[in-house]
Protein backbone atom coordinates (compact mmCIF):
# COMPACT_ATOMS: atom_id res chain seq x y z
CA MET A 1 -10.37 53.05 27.46
CA THR A 2 -10.06 53.75 31.18
CA SER A 3 -12.67 55.89 32.90
CA ARG A 4 -12.06 59.25 34.54
CA LEU A 5 -12.64 57.62 37.94
CA ASP A 6 -10.10 54.89 37.23
CA ARG A 7 -7.52 57.40 36.03
CA CYS A 8 -8.10 59.60 39.06
CA PHE A 9 -7.65 56.88 41.67
CA THR A 10 -4.68 55.36 39.82
CA LYS A 11 -2.95 58.74 39.67
CA LEU A 12 -3.56 59.40 43.36
CA ALA A 13 -2.33 55.94 44.34
CA VAL A 14 0.96 56.75 42.60
CA GLU A 15 1.05 60.07 44.46
CA ARG A 16 0.29 58.20 47.70
CA ARG A 17 -2.58 60.44 48.74
CA PRO A 18 -6.33 59.98 49.12
CA ALA A 19 -8.88 61.53 46.81
CA LEU A 20 -10.88 64.45 48.14
CA VAL A 21 -14.47 63.70 47.14
CA THR A 22 -16.61 66.83 47.50
CA TYR A 23 -20.39 66.93 47.55
CA ILE A 24 -22.59 69.89 46.71
CA MET A 25 -26.31 69.98 46.01
CA ALA A 26 -27.13 70.85 42.40
CA GLY A 27 -29.07 74.11 42.26
CA ASP A 28 -28.32 75.22 45.82
CA PRO A 29 -29.06 78.02 46.53
CA GLU A 30 -29.96 78.70 42.89
CA ALA A 31 -28.71 77.66 39.46
CA GLN A 32 -26.18 80.38 38.63
CA THR A 33 -24.36 80.27 41.96
CA SER A 34 -24.43 76.49 42.01
CA GLN A 35 -22.79 76.35 38.59
CA LYS A 36 -20.03 78.73 39.70
CA MET A 37 -19.53 76.63 42.81
CA LEU A 38 -19.30 73.42 40.79
CA GLU A 39 -16.73 74.94 38.45
CA SER A 40 -14.65 76.23 41.38
CA LEU A 41 -14.21 72.82 43.01
CA PRO A 42 -11.42 71.30 40.89
CA GLY A 43 -9.25 74.40 41.18
CA ALA A 44 -9.79 74.42 44.95
CA GLY A 45 -8.51 70.85 45.23
CA ALA A 46 -11.47 68.51 44.69
CA ASP A 47 -10.40 65.26 43.01
CA VAL A 48 -13.89 63.82 42.54
CA ILE A 49 -17.17 65.74 42.58
CA GLU A 50 -20.42 64.32 43.91
CA LEU A 51 -23.33 66.37 42.65
CA GLY A 52 -26.52 65.91 44.62
CA MET A 53 -29.79 65.35 42.78
CA PRO A 54 -32.39 67.25 44.85
CA PHE A 55 -35.28 65.17 46.10
CA THR A 56 -38.16 65.89 48.46
CA ASP A 57 -37.63 62.83 50.68
CA PRO A 58 -33.86 62.22 51.13
CA MET A 59 -34.10 59.54 53.82
CA ALA A 60 -30.34 58.99 54.29
CA ASP A 61 -29.53 62.67 54.66
CA GLY A 62 -29.42 64.86 57.73
CA PRO A 63 -31.01 68.29 58.16
CA ALA A 64 -28.27 70.22 56.36
CA ILE A 65 -28.47 68.30 53.10
CA GLN A 66 -32.26 68.06 53.35
CA ALA A 67 -32.38 71.86 53.59
CA ALA A 68 -29.99 72.21 50.65
CA GLY A 69 -32.24 70.02 48.53
CA LEU A 70 -35.30 72.03 49.45
CA ARG A 71 -33.51 75.29 48.62
CA ALA A 72 -32.59 73.87 45.23
CA LEU A 73 -36.10 72.63 44.50
CA LYS A 74 -37.56 75.95 45.56
CA GLY A 75 -35.17 77.62 43.13
CA GLY A 76 -36.50 75.48 40.29
CA GLN A 77 -33.78 72.84 40.04
CA THR A 78 -34.70 69.73 38.05
CA LEU A 79 -32.83 66.58 37.09
CA ARG A 80 -32.56 67.86 33.52
CA LYS A 81 -30.96 71.08 34.81
CA THR A 82 -28.57 69.02 36.93
CA LEU A 83 -27.37 67.16 33.84
CA ALA A 84 -26.99 70.50 32.07
CA MET A 85 -24.70 71.65 34.90
CA VAL A 86 -22.38 68.73 34.22
CA ALA A 87 -22.46 69.41 30.48
CA ASP A 88 -21.47 73.04 31.14
CA LEU A 89 -18.62 71.93 33.41
CA ARG A 90 -17.31 69.66 30.66
CA LYS A 91 -16.81 72.69 28.39
CA THR A 92 -13.84 73.68 30.56
CA ASP A 93 -12.99 70.52 32.52
CA ALA A 94 -12.66 67.25 30.65
CA GLU A 95 -11.00 65.23 33.41
CA THR A 96 -12.48 65.72 36.90
CA PRO A 97 -14.81 62.79 37.62
CA VAL A 98 -18.42 63.72 38.40
CA VAL A 99 -20.74 61.34 40.24
CA LEU A 100 -24.43 62.05 40.66
CA MET A 101 -25.70 61.11 44.12
CA GLY A 102 -29.30 60.81 45.19
CA TYR A 103 -32.42 58.68 45.07
CA PHE A 104 -34.18 56.55 42.49
CA ASN A 105 -37.52 58.34 42.34
CA PRO A 106 -36.40 61.34 40.22
CA ILE A 107 -34.57 58.97 37.84
CA TYR A 108 -37.66 56.75 37.55
CA VAL A 109 -39.84 59.76 36.77
CA TYR A 110 -37.31 60.99 34.18
CA GLY A 111 -37.19 57.51 32.61
CA VAL A 112 -34.23 55.25 33.40
CA GLU A 113 -33.09 54.67 29.84
CA SER A 114 -33.38 58.32 28.87
CA PHE A 115 -31.67 59.46 32.05
CA LEU A 116 -28.70 57.14 31.60
CA SER A 117 -28.26 58.16 27.98
CA ASP A 118 -28.49 61.86 28.82
CA ALA A 119 -26.15 61.47 31.80
CA LYS A 120 -23.52 59.78 29.67
CA ILE A 121 -23.79 62.46 26.99
CA ALA A 122 -23.53 65.21 29.62
CA GLY A 123 -20.24 63.79 30.92
CA VAL A 124 -21.35 62.06 34.13
CA ASP A 125 -18.99 59.30 35.28
CA GLY A 126 -20.97 57.40 37.87
CA LEU A 127 -24.03 57.16 40.07
CA ILE A 128 -24.70 56.67 43.76
CA VAL A 129 -28.36 55.79 44.17
CA VAL A 130 -28.85 55.47 47.90
CA ASP A 131 -32.12 53.53 47.91
CA CYS A 132 -31.26 50.89 45.28
CA PRO A 133 -29.72 47.84 47.00
CA PRO A 134 -27.98 45.01 45.11
CA GLU A 135 -31.27 43.10 44.96
CA GLU A 136 -32.63 45.89 42.71
CA ASP A 137 -29.61 45.90 40.39
CA ASP A 138 -31.74 45.36 37.29
CA GLU A 139 -33.54 48.66 37.94
CA ILE A 140 -30.57 50.99 37.55
CA GLY A 141 -27.21 49.39 38.41
CA ALA A 142 -26.94 46.97 35.49
CA PRO A 143 -28.33 49.44 32.92
CA ALA A 144 -25.90 52.12 34.18
CA ARG A 145 -22.89 49.85 33.75
CA LYS A 146 -24.13 48.87 30.29
CA VAL A 147 -23.85 52.47 29.07
CA GLY A 148 -20.46 52.96 30.74
CA LEU A 149 -21.42 54.66 34.00
CA ALA A 150 -19.89 53.41 37.24
CA PHE A 151 -22.44 52.25 39.80
CA ILE A 152 -21.08 53.02 43.24
CA ARG A 153 -22.55 51.22 46.22
CA LEU A 154 -22.60 52.07 49.90
CA ALA A 155 -21.30 49.87 52.71
CA THR A 156 -22.00 50.73 56.35
CA PRO A 157 -20.85 49.66 59.81
CA THR A 158 -23.70 47.12 59.76
CA THR A 159 -22.55 45.56 56.46
CA ASP A 160 -21.10 42.32 57.82
CA ASP A 161 -18.96 39.72 56.03
CA ALA A 162 -22.06 37.81 54.96
CA ARG A 163 -23.57 40.89 53.30
CA LEU A 164 -20.42 42.50 51.90
CA PRO A 165 -20.03 40.21 48.84
CA ALA A 166 -23.51 41.20 47.64
CA VAL A 167 -22.66 44.88 48.04
CA LEU A 168 -19.38 44.46 46.18
CA MET A 169 -20.82 42.38 43.38
CA ASN A 170 -21.10 44.56 40.27
CA SER A 171 -19.90 47.65 42.17
CA SER A 172 -17.62 49.87 40.12
CA GLY A 173 -15.71 53.14 40.32
CA PHE A 174 -15.15 53.00 44.06
CA LEU A 175 -16.92 51.78 47.18
CA TYR A 176 -18.43 54.44 49.43
CA TYR A 177 -18.02 53.44 53.08
CA VAL A 178 -20.51 55.18 55.38
CA SER A 179 -18.46 55.64 58.52
CA ILE A 180 -21.35 56.06 60.96
CA ALA A 181 -24.61 54.29 61.61
CA GLY A 182 -26.98 57.15 60.88
CA ILE A 183 -27.77 60.02 58.57
CA THR A 184 -25.31 62.43 56.97
CA GLY A 185 -23.68 64.91 59.30
CA SER A 186 -25.01 63.28 62.47
CA ALA A 187 -21.76 62.16 64.15
CA ALA A 188 -17.99 62.01 63.83
CA PRO A 189 -16.33 58.81 62.59
CA ASP A 190 -14.13 56.75 64.91
CA PRO A 191 -10.77 56.37 63.07
CA SER A 192 -9.97 53.04 64.73
CA LYS A 193 -13.26 51.56 63.58
CA VAL A 194 -12.81 53.05 60.10
CA ARG A 195 -9.35 51.46 59.90
CA GLU A 196 -10.79 48.04 60.75
CA ALA A 197 -13.68 48.42 58.31
CA VAL A 198 -11.51 49.57 55.40
CA ALA A 199 -9.08 46.68 55.99
CA ARG A 200 -11.98 44.21 56.06
CA ILE A 201 -13.41 45.59 52.82
CA LYS A 202 -9.99 45.61 51.14
CA ARG A 203 -9.65 41.91 51.81
CA GLN A 204 -12.60 41.34 49.48
CA THR A 205 -12.15 43.94 46.72
CA ALA A 206 -9.56 45.84 44.73
CA LEU A 207 -11.91 48.82 44.41
CA PRO A 208 -10.81 52.08 45.99
CA VAL A 209 -12.65 52.79 49.25
CA ALA A 210 -13.84 56.33 49.97
CA VAL A 211 -15.09 57.14 53.46
CA GLY A 212 -17.79 59.70 54.16
CA PHE A 213 -20.66 60.75 56.47
CA GLY A 214 -19.21 62.73 59.35
CA VAL A 215 -16.02 64.23 57.91
CA LYS A 216 -16.43 67.88 58.88
CA ASP A 217 -13.10 69.68 58.75
CA ALA A 218 -9.41 69.47 57.91
CA SER A 219 -8.59 67.55 61.08
CA SER A 220 -11.13 64.78 60.45
CA ALA A 221 -10.24 64.73 56.73
CA ALA A 222 -6.59 64.13 57.63
CA ALA A 223 -7.48 61.38 60.07
CA ILE A 224 -9.67 59.54 57.56
CA GLY A 225 -7.37 60.27 54.63
CA ALA A 226 -4.61 58.32 56.36
CA LEU A 227 -6.82 55.24 56.31
CA ALA A 228 -8.75 55.27 53.02
CA ASP A 229 -8.40 55.84 49.29
CA GLY A 230 -10.81 58.75 49.41
CA VAL A 231 -12.34 61.22 51.85
CA ALA A 232 -15.92 62.28 51.08
CA VAL A 233 -17.19 65.57 52.49
CA GLY A 234 -20.73 66.83 52.04
CA THR A 235 -22.53 68.28 55.05
CA ALA A 236 -19.70 70.68 55.90
CA LEU A 237 -19.80 72.09 52.37
CA VAL A 238 -23.56 72.55 52.20
CA GLU A 239 -23.40 74.17 55.64
CA ALA A 240 -20.78 76.57 54.29
CA VAL A 241 -23.31 77.48 51.61
CA ARG A 242 -26.07 78.00 54.16
CA LYS A 243 -23.97 80.17 56.45
CA SER A 244 -22.97 82.42 53.53
CA LEU A 245 -26.55 83.19 52.49
CA ASN A 246 -28.10 86.59 53.00
CA GLU A 247 -31.81 86.21 53.79
CA GLY A 248 -31.79 82.87 51.99
CA LYS A 249 -30.08 84.17 48.88
CA ALA A 250 -26.53 83.78 47.62
CA SER A 251 -24.06 86.46 48.66
CA ALA A 252 -20.66 87.47 47.35
CA ALA A 253 -19.23 85.13 50.00
CA THR A 254 -21.04 81.96 48.93
CA VAL A 255 -18.72 80.53 46.28
CA PRO A 256 -15.50 81.66 48.04
CA ALA A 257 -16.67 80.12 51.33
CA VAL A 258 -17.01 76.71 49.73
CA ALA A 259 -13.77 77.05 47.75
CA GLU A 260 -11.78 78.01 50.85
CA LEU A 261 -13.13 75.05 52.80
CA VAL A 262 -12.25 72.72 49.92
CA LYS A 263 -8.71 74.13 49.85
CA SER A 264 -8.37 73.42 53.56
CA LEU A 265 -9.68 69.87 53.16
CA ALA A 266 -7.47 69.24 50.14
CA GLY A 267 -4.40 70.36 52.06
CA ALA A 268 -5.28 68.02 54.90
CA CYS A 269 -5.76 65.10 52.51
CA ARG A 270 -2.40 65.76 50.87
CA ALA A 271 -0.68 65.78 54.26
CA SER A 272 -2.58 62.82 55.72
CA ARG A 273 -0.32 59.98 54.62
CA GLY A 274 2.76 61.71 55.96
CA SER A 275 1.12 62.24 59.34
CA GLU A 276 0.14 58.57 59.45
CA ARG A 277 3.71 57.47 58.76
CA ALA A 278 4.91 59.79 61.55
CA ARG A 279 2.48 58.20 64.00
CA ARG A 280 3.82 54.79 63.15
């Protein structure tokens, strides 16, 4: 049986458009609003959802996502509650792929075997564990694949041809290409360099390649969508949450602000391949 991720990317390849991969932090700014936000994403145009697992020391993330994680933790978010969010989504949405993204420490504290079992039961499709390189595959990557969860690895501008085979080995779902050398939200990607990197990766794998870190708006989403199988957007969405807050608390504008931005990004992704053909 094919996975939700496989079905999603196959469908979009037929439609000749990139996936919009949207990231929100679970529990930001608090549980009820976060759940509504999560459930609004597919209808707004998200093809794949990355749900952040809040952690106190998110070393790959910039200030915006760090702040989102701290808001969530302050609001009482836990990894168990994050899994419950996915389970609640599955009551009304059986098809949109959900990938949990974060760090190994909360999973280790939860218990790897228990976490993977509970994640699968909840309806999670894959994991991105930023601080688990291929050399640590036995810790989480191999066990995740064993229970049927995709284990999605990151490649960066410093991942050269000597390192790339190790990153690709046992990767599944899709490959996440980090378009900048730095933390999330710190710079804008250079489309010409992204084009070269995606082509280089594609020579070594049939996996879809999604590009993230630095995609901020419809214009940058369109530019990257013309070059990759997926466009991942995170910082812009968590910033939309932050800007909608009233004295640190959710307002009536919070969920609509995120949904409207997703609609804009989705429209840009759908138009991106046509604009690329026109440039040629």
